Protein backbone atom coordinates (compact mmCIF):
# COMPACT_ATOMS: atom_id res chain seq x y z
CA UNK A 1 -9.22 9.62 -13.87
CA UNK A 2 -12.86 8.58 -14.77
CA UNK A 3 -15.18 11.37 -15.24
CA UNK A 4 -16.68 12.60 -11.79
CA UNK A 5 -18.62 15.69 -10.65
CA UNK A 6 -17.31 17.80 -8.04
CA UNK A 7 -20.07 16.90 -5.79
CA UNK A 8 -19.27 13.08 -6.30
CA UNK A 9 -15.59 13.88 -5.53
CA UNK A 10 -16.45 15.77 -2.44
CA UNK A 11 -18.60 12.94 -1.16
CA UNK A 12 -15.95 10.37 -1.83
CA UNK A 13 -13.24 12.23 0.01
CA UNK A 14 -15.60 13.68 2.81
CA UNK A 15 -14.67 17.27 2.07
CA UNK A 16 -16.42 20.75 1.70
CA UNK A 17 -16.62 21.91 -1.97
CA UNK A 18 -16.02 25.50 -2.40
CA UNK A 19 -16.86 26.70 -6.08
CA UNK A 20 -14.30 28.96 -7.83
CA UNK A 21 -14.34 31.27 -10.82
CA UNK A 22 -13.98 28.27 -13.21
CA UNK A 23 -17.40 26.79 -11.89
CA UNK A 24 -19.58 29.76 -12.67
CA UNK A 25 -20.79 28.38 -16.00
CA UNK A 26 -22.83 25.76 -14.54
CA UNK A 27 -25.94 25.84 -12.51
CA UNK A 28 -24.33 24.30 -9.45
CA UNK A 29 -20.60 24.12 -8.97
CA UNK A 30 -21.07 20.42 -7.82
CA UNK A 31 -22.29 19.63 -11.27
CA UNK A 32 -18.92 20.45 -12.91
CA UNK A 33 -17.42 17.22 -14.36
CA UNK A 34 -13.57 16.69 -14.26
CA UNK A 35 -11.82 13.69 -15.70
CA UNK A 36 -8.12 14.84 -15.97
CA UNK A 37 -4.96 13.30 -14.31
CA UNK A 38 -4.62 13.38 -10.51
CA UNK A 39 -1.30 15.17 -9.53
CA UNK A 40 0.50 15.94 -6.44
CA UNK A 41 3.37 17.79 -8.20
CA UNK A 42 2.16 21.14 -9.74
CA UNK A 43 4.80 20.69 -12.54
CA UNK A 44 2.79 17.71 -13.87
CA UNK A 45 -0.53 19.48 -13.90
CA UNK A 46 -2.20 19.86 -17.27
CA UNK A 47 -5.55 21.49 -18.09
CA UNK A 48 -8.30 19.55 -16.43
CA UNK A 49 -6.08 17.92 -13.76
CA UNK A 50 -6.99 17.42 -10.09
CA UNK A 51 -4.17 18.89 -7.81
CA UNK A 52 -3.78 17.40 -4.31
CA UNK A 53 -1.95 20.16 -2.16
CA UNK A 54 -0.31 17.64 0.13
CA UNK A 55 1.85 18.64 3.14
CA UNK A 56 5.38 17.37 2.81
CA UNK A 57 8.49 17.00 4.94
CA UNK A 58 10.38 19.62 2.84
CA UNK A 59 7.56 21.94 1.62
CA UNK A 60 3.76 22.40 1.62
CA UNK A 61 1.83 21.77 -1.41
CA UNK A 62 -0.33 24.61 -0.74
CA UNK A 63 2.51 26.84 -1.85
CA UNK A 64 2.15 25.44 -5.33
CA UNK A 65 -1.73 26.08 -5.82
CA UNK A 66 -1.10 29.36 -7.88
CA UNK A 67 1.21 27.30 -10.19
CA UNK A 68 -1.15 24.45 -10.57
CA UNK A 69 -4.12 26.77 -11.30
CA UNK A 70 -2.13 28.64 -13.79
CA UNK A 71 -1.30 25.31 -15.51
CA UNK A 72 -5.02 24.38 -15.81
CA UNK A 73 -5.96 22.60 -12.64
CA UNK A 74 -9.80 22.05 -12.77
CA UNK A 75 -9.93 21.20 -9.04
CA UNK A 76 -7.69 21.63 -6.02
CA UNK A 77 -8.10 19.30 -2.87
CA UNK A 78 -6.55 20.85 0.07
CA UNK A 79 -6.48 20.41 3.93
CA UNK A 80 -6.92 24.17 4.37
CA UNK A 81 -8.82 26.73 2.18
CA UNK A 82 -6.57 28.41 -0.17
CA UNK A 83 -6.69 31.39 -2.52
CA UNK A 84 -7.36 30.03 -6.06
CA UNK A 85 -9.74 30.68 -8.93
CA UNK A 86 -10.22 26.88 -9.28
CA UNK A 87 -12.93 25.10 -7.42
CA UNK A 88 -11.48 23.63 -4.20
CA UNK A 89 -12.44 20.81 -1.82
CA UNK A 90 -11.27 21.25 1.75
CA UNK A 91 -10.62 17.96 3.63
CA UNK A 92 -9.37 17.09 7.03
CA UNK A 93 -6.50 15.07 5.86
CA UNK A 94 -5.12 15.16 2.27
CA UNK A 95 -3.55 11.71 2.27
CA UNK A 96 -6.70 10.08 3.55
CA UNK A 97 -8.57 11.91 0.77
CA UNK A 98 -6.30 10.80 -1.89
CA UNK A 99 -6.71 7.29 -0.58
CA UNK A 100 -10.50 7.56 -0.53
CA UNK A 101 -10.71 8.84 -4.01
CA UNK A 102 -8.53 6.19 -5.39
CA UNK A 103 -10.86 3.46 -3.65
CA UNK A 104 -13.97 5.21 -5.12
CA UNK A 105 -12.54 5.20 -8.71
CA UNK A 106 -11.42 1.54 -8.62
CA UNK A 107 -14.67 0.57 -6.91
CA UNK A 108 -16.64 2.19 -9.65
CA UNK A 109 -14.46 0.63 -12.51
CA UNK A 110 -14.82 -2.78 -10.84
CA UNK A 111 -18.50 -2.74 -10.58
CA UNK A 112 -18.86 -1.27 -14.13
CA UNK A 113 -16.80 -4.29 -15.35
CA UNK A 114 -18.49 -6.92 -13.52
CA UNK A 115 -20.39 -8.13 -16.53
CA UNK A 116 -17.93 -7.31 -19.17
CA UNK A 117 -16.97 -10.07 -21.72
CA UNK A 118 -13.99 -10.13 -24.15
CA UNK A 119 -14.20 -10.60 -27.86
CA UNK A 120 -14.61 -14.27 -27.45
CA UNK A 121 -17.48 -13.90 -25.03
CA UNK A 122 -15.39 -14.88 -21.99
CA UNK A 123 -15.92 -12.86 -18.63
CA UNK A 124 -13.42 -9.87 -18.62
CA UNK A 125 -14.02 -8.05 -15.29
CA UNK A 126 -11.24 -5.65 -13.93
CA UNK A 127 -8.56 -7.71 -12.16
CA UNK A 128 -6.46 -6.09 -9.60
CA UNK A 129 -3.10 -7.58 -8.28
CA UNK A 130 -0.96 -6.25 -5.34
CA UNK A 131 2.75 -6.81 -5.21
CA UNK A 132 4.96 -6.43 -2.20
CA UNK A 133 8.34 -7.83 -1.00
CA UNK A 134 11.56 -6.53 0.44
CA UNK A 135 13.16 -6.98 -3.13
CA UNK A 136 11.79 -7.50 -6.60
CA UNK A 137 8.57 -5.46 -6.54
CA UNK A 138 9.38 -3.14 -9.47
CA UNK A 139 11.01 -5.73 -11.61
CA UNK A 140 8.02 -8.12 -11.04
CA UNK A 141 5.54 -5.28 -11.74
CA UNK A 142 7.27 -4.37 -14.95
CA UNK A 143 7.34 -8.10 -16.10
CA UNK A 144 3.60 -8.50 -15.29
CA UNK A 145 2.61 -5.44 -17.03
CA UNK A 146 4.61 -6.52 -20.18
CA UNK A 147 2.62 -9.78 -20.17
CA UNK A 148 -0.79 -8.47 -19.48
CA UNK A 149 -0.84 -5.44 -21.79
CA UNK A 150 -0.93 -7.68 -24.66
CA UNK A 151 -4.21 -9.06 -23.35
CA UNK A 152 -5.99 -5.80 -22.40
CA UNK A 153 -5.50 -2.33 -21.15
CA UNK A 154 -3.06 -2.62 -18.29
CA UNK A 155 -2.46 0.13 -15.70
CA UNK A 156 0.61 -0.07 -13.59
CA UNK A 157 2.81 2.36 -11.63
CA UNK A 158 5.49 4.65 -13.21
CA UNK A 159 8.80 3.84 -11.77
CA UNK A 160 8.54 2.88 -8.20
CA UNK A 161 5.19 4.64 -7.26
CA UNK A 162 4.45 2.34 -4.52
CA UNK A 163 3.86 4.21 -1.24
CA UNK A 164 0.75 5.81 0.33
CA UNK A 165 0.92 8.64 -2.36
CA UNK A 166 2.36 6.86 -5.43
CA UNK A 167 0.10 3.88 -5.28
CA UNK A 168 -3.14 5.76 -5.05
CA UNK A 169 -2.01 8.09 -8.09
CA UNK A 170 -1.37 4.99 -9.98
CA UNK A 171 -4.71 3.40 -9.18
CA UNK A 172 -6.47 6.69 -10.20
CA UNK A 173 -5.21 5.95 -13.86
CA UNK A 174 -7.80 3.33 -14.42
CA UNK A 175 -10.46 3.80 -16.97
CA UNK A 176 -13.81 1.85 -17.76
CA UNK A 177 -11.79 0.03 -20.33
CA UNK A 178 -8.86 -1.08 -17.95
CA UNK A 179 -8.70 -4.84 -17.76
CA UNK A 180 -5.79 -5.22 -15.34
CA UNK A 181 -4.54 -3.09 -12.54
CA UNK A 182 -1.21 -3.89 -11.18
CA UNK A 183 -0.28 -2.13 -7.82
CA UNK A 184 3.19 -2.13 -6.35
CA UNK A 185 2.90 -1.79 -2.58
CA UNK A 186 5.85 -0.53 -0.50
CA UNK A 187 6.07 0.26 3.10
CA UNK A 188 8.32 1.80 5.61
CA UNK A 189 6.29 0.76 8.57
CA UNK A 190 3.54 -1.52 9.99
CA UNK A 191 0.19 -0.69 8.70
CA UNK A 192 1.27 0.80 5.31
CA UNK A 193 0.55 -2.25 3.02
CA UNK A 194 -2.67 -2.95 4.95
CA UNK A 195 -3.89 0.57 4.08
CA UNK A 196 -3.02 0.10 0.46
CA UNK A 197 -4.75 -3.30 0.31
CA UNK A 198 -7.97 -1.62 1.71
CA UNK A 199 -7.83 0.81 -1.21
CA UNK A 200 -7.28 -1.53 -3.95
CA UNK A 201 -8.94 -4.84 -2.74
CA UNK A 202 -6.67 -7.08 -4.94
CA UNK A 203 -7.93 -10.20 -6.30
CA UNK A 204 -4.39 -11.52 -6.03
CA UNK A 205 -1.82 -10.57 -3.42
CA UNK A 206 1.78 -11.38 -4.17
CA UNK A 207 4.52 -11.57 -1.61
CA UNK A 208 7.97 -12.01 -3.05
CA UNK A 209 10.48 -11.90 -0.11
CA UNK A 210 11.09 -10.85 3.48
CA UNK A 211 14.49 -9.21 3.73
CA UNK A 212 16.34 -6.62 5.52
CA UNK A 213 15.68 -3.71 3.16
CA UNK A 214 14.34 -0.85 5.28
CA UNK A 215 15.00 -2.84 8.48
CA UNK A 216 16.05 0.16 10.29
CA UNK A 217 12.67 1.74 9.71
CA UNK A 218 10.66 -1.37 10.36
CA UNK A 219 12.68 -2.10 13.43
CA UNK A 220 13.94 -5.58 12.58
CA UNK A 221 13.22 -8.61 10.42
CA UNK A 222 10.15 -9.78 12.34
CA UNK A 223 8.49 -6.29 12.07
CA UNK A 224 9.27 -6.48 8.37
CA UNK A 225 7.50 -9.84 8.17
CA UNK A 226 4.61 -8.49 9.85
CA UNK A 227 4.42 -5.73 7.65
CA UNK A 228 4.59 -7.67 4.41
CA UNK A 229 2.09 -10.17 5.74
CA UNK A 230 -0.49 -7.34 5.52
CA UNK A 231 -0.73 -8.04 1.73
CA UNK A 232 -2.63 -11.41 2.56
CA UNK A 233 -4.10 -11.08 6.00
CA UNK A 234 -7.10 -9.10 5.00
CA UNK A 235 -7.64 -10.90 1.71
CA UNK A 236 -11.19 -12.56 1.42
CA UNK A 237 -11.79 -16.24 0.49
CA UNK A 238 -12.45 -15.07 -3.10
CA UNK A 239 -8.97 -14.00 -3.55
CA UNK A 240 -5.54 -15.64 -4.03
CA UNK A 241 -2.42 -15.34 -1.83
CA UNK A 242 0.61 -15.89 -4.07
CA UNK A 243 3.49 -16.80 -1.90
CA UNK A 244 7.33 -17.49 -2.60
CA UNK A 245 7.71 -20.84 -0.90
CA UNK A 246 11.37 -20.49 -1.09
CA UNK A 247 11.31 -17.76 1.70
CA UNK A 248 10.23 -19.52 5.04
CA UNK A 249 9.03 -16.21 6.53
CA UNK A 250 6.80 -15.67 3.23
CA UNK A 251 5.73 -19.33 3.25
CA UNK A 252 4.51 -19.06 6.97
CA UNK A 253 1.92 -16.49 5.60
CA UNK A 254 -0.20 -19.27 4.36
CA UNK A 255 -1.61 -19.55 7.94
CA UNK A 256 -2.52 -16.04 8.15
CA UNK A 257 -4.96 -15.67 5.15
CA UNK A 258 -8.48 -16.73 4.15
CA UNK A 259 -7.62 -16.64 0.68
CA UNK A 260 -6.76 -19.56 -1.59
CA UNK A 261 -2.85 -19.99 -1.30
CA UNK A 262 -0.78 -20.58 -4.27
CA UNK A 263 2.97 -21.11 -3.86
CA UNK A 264 5.81 -20.54 -6.48
CA UNK A 265 9.59 -20.99 -6.33
CA UNK A 266 12.07 -23.83 -6.54
CA UNK A 267 10.64 -25.73 -3.51
CA UNK A 268 9.37 -29.10 -4.39
CA UNK A 269 5.80 -28.31 -2.98
CA UNK A 270 5.44 -25.08 -5.02
CA UNK A 271 2.42 -25.24 -7.17
CA UNK A 272 4.27 -23.14 -9.89
CA UNK A 273 7.77 -24.72 -9.75
CA UNK A 274 11.05 -23.23 -11.13
CA UNK A 275 13.72 -25.76 -12.22
CA UNK A 276 17.03 -25.49 -14.26
CA UNK A 277 18.04 -21.99 -13.52
CA UNK A 278 20.85 -20.75 -15.62
CA UNK A 279 22.49 -17.45 -16.05
CA UNK A 280 25.40 -15.79 -18.07
CA UNK A 281 26.09 -12.70 -19.94
CA UNK A 282 23.07 -13.18 -22.32
CA UNK A 283 20.62 -13.38 -19.50
CA UNK A 284 18.66 -15.91 -17.42
CA UNK A 285 16.94 -19.08 -18.36
CA UNK A 286 14.66 -21.55 -16.45
CA UNK A 287 11.69 -23.86 -16.68
CA UNK A 288 8.37 -23.11 -14.96
CA UNK A 289 5.93 -25.91 -14.38
CA UNK A 290 2.39 -25.20 -13.57
CA UNK A 291 -0.66 -27.16 -12.55
CA UNK A 292 -3.92 -26.91 -14.36
CA UNK A 293 -6.13 -23.93 -13.17
CA UNK A 294 -9.08 -25.52 -11.17
CA UNK A 295 -12.42 -24.70 -12.82
CA UNK A 296 -13.64 -23.58 -9.45
CA UNK A 297 -10.80 -21.20 -8.75
CA UNK A 298 -12.39 -17.93 -7.75
CA UNK A 299 -9.36 -15.87 -8.86
CA UNK A 300 -9.27 -17.33 -12.40
CA UNK A 301 -11.04 -15.90 -15.32
CA UNK A 302 -14.07 -18.00 -15.36
CA UNK A 303 -13.08 -20.82 -17.65
CA UNK A 304 -10.14 -19.95 -19.80
CA UNK A 305 -7.16 -22.24 -19.43
CA UNK A 306 -3.72 -21.38 -20.37
CA UNK A 307 -1.37 -23.54 -22.66
CA UNK A 308 0.90 -26.39 -21.52
CA UNK A 309 1.78 -26.91 -18.02
CA UNK A 310 5.35 -26.01 -18.36
CA UNK A 311 7.39 -23.42 -20.44
CA UNK A 312 11.18 -22.73 -20.99
CA UNK A 313 11.78 -19.05 -20.08
CA UNK A 314 14.34 -16.97 -21.53
CA UNK A 315 15.09 -13.58 -20.09
CA UNK A 316 17.44 -11.01 -21.42
CA UNK A 317 17.95 -9.89 -17.85
CA UNK A 318 20.92 -10.62 -15.60
CA UNK A 319 20.56 -12.57 -12.36
CA UNK A 320 19.15 -15.80 -11.22
CA UNK A 321 17.06 -13.83 -8.70
CA UNK A 322 15.07 -12.44 -11.71
CA UNK A 323 13.86 -16.20 -12.09
CA UNK A 324 11.63 -15.76 -9.00
CA UNK A 325 10.20 -12.30 -10.14
CA UNK A 326 9.45 -13.63 -13.62
CA UNK A 327 7.81 -16.84 -12.12
CA UNK A 328 5.38 -14.65 -9.92
CA UNK A 329 4.41 -12.60 -12.95
CA UNK A 330 3.89 -15.60 -15.06
CA UNK A 331 1.83 -17.23 -12.35
CA UNK A 332 -0.55 -14.26 -11.99
CA UNK A 333 -0.98 -14.08 -15.85
CA UNK A 334 -1.50 -17.81 -16.09
CA UNK A 335 -4.26 -17.79 -13.29
CA UNK A 336 -5.93 -14.94 -15.35
CA UNK A 337 -6.02 -16.98 -18.42
CA UNK A 338 -2.80 -16.08 -20.23
CA UNK A 339 -1.07 -19.22 -21.63
CA UNK A 340 2.49 -19.83 -20.24
CA UNK A 341 3.82 -19.72 -23.61
CA UNK A 342 2.38 -16.34 -24.29
CA UNK A 343 3.75 -14.98 -21.04
CA UNK A 344 7.17 -16.33 -21.74
CA UNK A 345 7.30 -14.71 -25.20
CA UNK A 346 6.34 -11.42 -23.84
CA UNK A 347 9.14 -11.51 -20.99
CA UNK A 348 11.62 -12.62 -23.73
CA UNK A 349 10.94 -9.09 -25.45
CA UNK A 350 12.26 -7.28 -22.31
CA UNK A 351 15.72 -5.93 -22.61
CA UNK A 352 15.94 -4.71 -18.69
CA UNK A 353 13.76 -5.16 -15.72
CA UNK A 354 14.08 -1.36 -15.13
CA UNK A 355 16.62 1.61 -15.59
CA UNK A 356 19.59 1.11 -13.32
CA UNK A 357 18.43 -2.41 -12.29
CA UNK A 358 21.03 -5.10 -13.48
CA UNK A 359 21.36 -3.04 -16.60
CA UNK A 360 24.13 -4.44 -18.99
CA UNK A 361 26.18 -1.62 -20.52
CA UNK A 362 29.07 -2.01 -23.10
CA UNK A 363 29.54 1.42 -24.44
CA UNK A 364 32.38 2.58 -22.22
CA UNK A 365 36.08 1.79 -22.44
CA UNK A 366 36.86 -0.81 -24.90
CA UNK A 367 36.35 -4.29 -23.65
CA UNK A 368 34.79 -3.22 -20.46
CA UNK A 369 31.31 -4.48 -19.38
CA UNK A 370 29.33 -2.65 -16.75
CA UNK A 371 26.38 -3.90 -14.80
CA UNK A 372 24.60 -0.75 -13.45
CA UNK A 373 22.59 -1.94 -10.69
CA UNK A 374 22.75 1.29 -8.60
CA UNK A 375 19.01 2.12 -8.26
CA UNK A 376 18.82 0.66 -4.77
CA UNK A 377 20.58 -1.87 -2.68
CA UNK A 378 19.63 -4.07 0.28
CA UNK A 379 21.86 -6.97 1.69
CA UNK A 380 19.75 -9.47 -0.26
CA UNK A 381 19.85 -7.76 -3.48
CA UNK A 382 23.58 -6.76 -3.13
CA UNK A 383 24.35 -10.38 -2.45
CA UNK A 384 22.40 -11.58 -5.46
CA UNK A 385 24.08 -9.06 -7.65
CA UNK A 386 27.64 -10.11 -6.53
CA UNK A 387 26.60 -13.70 -7.23
CA UNK A 388 25.71 -12.76 -10.58
CA UNK A 389 28.88 -10.92 -11.24
CA UNK A 390 30.79 -14.10 -10.28
CA UNK A 391 28.63 -16.24 -12.26
CA UNK A 392 28.82 -14.55 -15.64
CA UNK A 393 32.65 -13.74 -15.82
CA UNK A 394 34.63 -15.55 -18.58
CA UNK A 395 38.15 -16.88 -18.53
CA UNK A 396 40.52 -14.29 -18.54
CA UNK A 397 38.18 -11.55 -17.29
CA UNK A 398 38.38 -9.63 -14.00
CA UNK A 399 35.49 -8.91 -11.90
CA UNK A 400 35.18 -5.39 -10.40
CA UNK A 401 32.51 -4.57 -7.69
CA UNK A 402 31.82 -0.74 -7.08
CA UNK A 403 29.80 -0.74 -3.85
CA UNK A 404 28.14 2.08 -2.01
CA UNK A 405 26.09 2.37 1.17
CA UNK A 406 23.09 0.13 1.75
CA UNK A 407 20.83 2.60 3.46
CA UNK A 408 17.98 2.24 6.01
CA UNK A 409 19.51 -0.64 7.83
CA UNK A 410 19.41 1.04 11.26
CA UNK A 411 21.30 -1.07 13.95
CA UNK A 412 22.04 -3.77 11.34
CA UNK A 413 24.11 -1.47 9.24
CA UNK A 414 27.50 -2.30 10.20
CA UNK A 415 26.87 -6.02 10.41
CA UNK A 416 25.32 -6.22 6.95
CA UNK A 417 27.96 -4.00 5.34
CA UNK A 418 30.56 -6.41 7.07
CA UNK A 419 28.90 -9.41 5.68
CA UNK A 420 28.94 -8.05 2.22
CA UNK A 421 32.60 -7.27 2.34
CA UNK A 422 33.42 -10.78 3.31
CA UNK A 423 31.02 -12.26 0.70
CA UNK A 424 33.24 -10.30 -1.96
CA UNK A 425 36.09 -12.14 -1.00
CA UNK A 426 34.61 -15.54 -0.79
CA UNK A 427 33.25 -15.15 -4.42
CA UNK A 428 36.74 -14.27 -5.59
CA UNK A 429 35.76 -10.84 -6.95
CA UNK A 430 39.12 -9.44 -8.44
CA UNK A 431 38.73 -5.88 -7.40
CA UNK A 432 36.63 -4.06 -4.93
CA UNK A 433 35.95 -0.30 -4.95
CA UNK A 434 33.99 1.15 -2.03
CA UNK A 435 32.58 4.47 -2.32
CA UNK A 436 31.15 6.68 0.43
CA UNK A 437 31.84 6.77 4.30
CA UNK A 438 28.56 4.75 4.98
CA UNK A 439 29.96 1.84 3.11
CA UNK A 440 33.33 1.82 4.90
CA UNK A 441 32.42 -1.39 6.80
CA UNK A 442 32.55 -3.19 3.43
CA UNK A 443 36.08 -2.07 2.70
CA UNK A 444 37.23 -3.00 6.21
CA UNK A 445 35.60 -6.39 6.20
CA UNK A 446 37.11 -7.47 2.88
CA UNK A 447 40.45 -6.33 3.94
CA UNK A 448 40.30 -8.45 7.05
CA UNK A 449 38.69 -11.49 5.31
CA UNK A 450 41.43 -11.80 2.71
CA UNK A 451 45.18 -11.10 2.55
CA UNK A 452 44.63 -8.42 0.05
CA UNK A 453 47.12 -5.92 -1.31
CA UNK A 454 45.17 -3.17 -3.02
CA UNK A 455 42.34 -5.25 -4.33
CA UNK A 456 40.09 -3.31 -1.97
CA UNK A 457 40.06 0.42 -2.30
CA UNK A 458 38.04 3.03 -0.35
CA UNK A 459 37.20 6.23 -1.97
CA UNK A 460 34.87 8.71 -0.25
CA UNK A 461 33.96 10.94 -3.14
CA UNK A 462 32.21 9.77 -6.30
CA UNK A 463 34.17 12.04 -8.68
CA UNK A 464 37.27 10.67 -7.29
CA UNK A 465 35.94 7.19 -7.79
CA UNK A 466 35.22 7.82 -11.44
CA UNK A 467 38.90 9.03 -12.05
CA UNK A 468 40.25 6.12 -10.14
CA UNK A 469 38.12 3.52 -12.09
CA UNK A 470 39.08 5.12 -15.50
CA UNK A 471 42.75 4.49 -14.46
CA UNK A 472 42.14 1.15 -13.09
CA UNK A 473 39.93 -0.63 -15.69
CA UNK A 474 41.28 -2.47 -18.54
CA UNK A 475 39.85 -4.54 -21.25
CA UNK A 476 38.01 -7.70 -20.14
CA UNK A 477 36.86 -6.12 -16.92
CA UNK A 478 33.20 -6.85 -15.88
CA UNK A 479 32.23 -4.03 -13.49
CA UNK A 480 29.12 -4.26 -11.01
CA UNK A 481 27.99 -0.85 -9.54
CA UNK A 482 25.55 -1.18 -6.72
CA UNK A 483 24.19 1.29 -4.17
CA UNK A 484 21.21 2.55 -2.31
CA UNK A 485 19.32 5.31 -3.91
CA UNK A 486 22.39 7.26 -4.88
CA UNK A 487 21.97 9.29 -8.13
CA UNK A 488 25.75 9.80 -8.07
CA UNK A 489 26.38 6.04 -8.20
CA UNK A 490 23.88 5.49 -10.79
CA UNK A 491 25.51 8.07 -13.00
CA UNK A 492 28.96 6.80 -12.19
CA UNK A 493 27.58 3.46 -13.64
CA UNK A 494 26.26 5.17 -16.58
CA UNK A 495 29.48 7.01 -17.17
CA UNK A 496 31.51 3.91 -16.95
CA UNK A 497 29.15 2.13 -19.40
CA UNK A 498 29.06 5.05 -21.86
CA UNK A 499 25.50 6.26 -21.31
CA UNK A 500 25.16 9.77 -21.85
CA UNK A 501 21.37 10.29 -21.50
């Protein structure tokens, strides 16, 4: 975090500062300056850190104040006064305080960088992008970070830090040298993304897709659409709303924003148009055609224009759905002055979108290829992964789909698992292994859809699934492992693919 006095932090979060023993060496406790990391996990606290003692569903952060203090926390922010030798700021709401501090820090950095220029004398203020969507947020964030970090200090979330805690923690990592801030914005209900937008105030808001991921929490696809539209509804006219025009629910958001609308996708009316998508075992390829960035575009970089108006993109990442994520990343970077060719070259260096996301593994049984995509699963992402499996198979090889439960679907769960089971049959997948009782409808639907005799197997326990697959697999098999937030299935994929880390 940038350097702030305790008094400045207390003002920003609207709390009461109580000086501790650590603050006795200054005339006024409020004059003490802190500039360490901001943490909500006491295990991550280092000397100089700020520790937010937040209440949680399982435990209370106040229990870990002694551990945080012992680790060297310079400040504790807490909803109730605690026993600690560190200075503490008592606030009415710890989560609101975290959001307020993130907003203060980003605002200060933005203001300080307003007149900054790069080595060539071009304007170089802090640029902020928010990314949301039912699928693809983390992959797009990683792609955009890979492009932008070659052009200036870039801050982006670790892993999937995209909720009301993770996103502000990521924002608080900005420094006065930060050129680009990439914020992944997830939600489990209406109002969550709007709150994150108010904190970050993005120059560009990206909406990738509206799907059934978390539909059970949102209450249906319409509520999901309303929640995702919060990314653009409050953007000012000086910002840009970047929308996937291939998704009708996303495209309709163009009528909900005052910001300049820029579209991307395979649609003929997309400003940044994707054509010629191809995918195989080596990755994904497509061409992206871009318009010239208008001189008066308020979200552009004040005059810098990037490269040719089209580029051939080669990703070492499996799945044609990643073409959309890559196009979104390239579009943001292009509008901020990065030539398309430079962006494409950066993406070509990526070997995977993220751990356990369409990760190609070939270190397991001889002749067996594993696609470990078990970080998370929704109906859309599972269908995309299955299509990729069917597309990359070579003559003489057998496709094997190992599928676990797609969580958080609520009343849509049985219907969507059923749909996936039938899709497995229609794609001609050679062997289906369904793991876990929550995924049972996939097995039932596949069995009903096709006149199968053992091509679909239901196994309730992950260890049993590993043993069965080790007996079942043979050279030439291509195996997809896909599930929702199941560490067991992730490591099943790793074990099959020979990963031991």
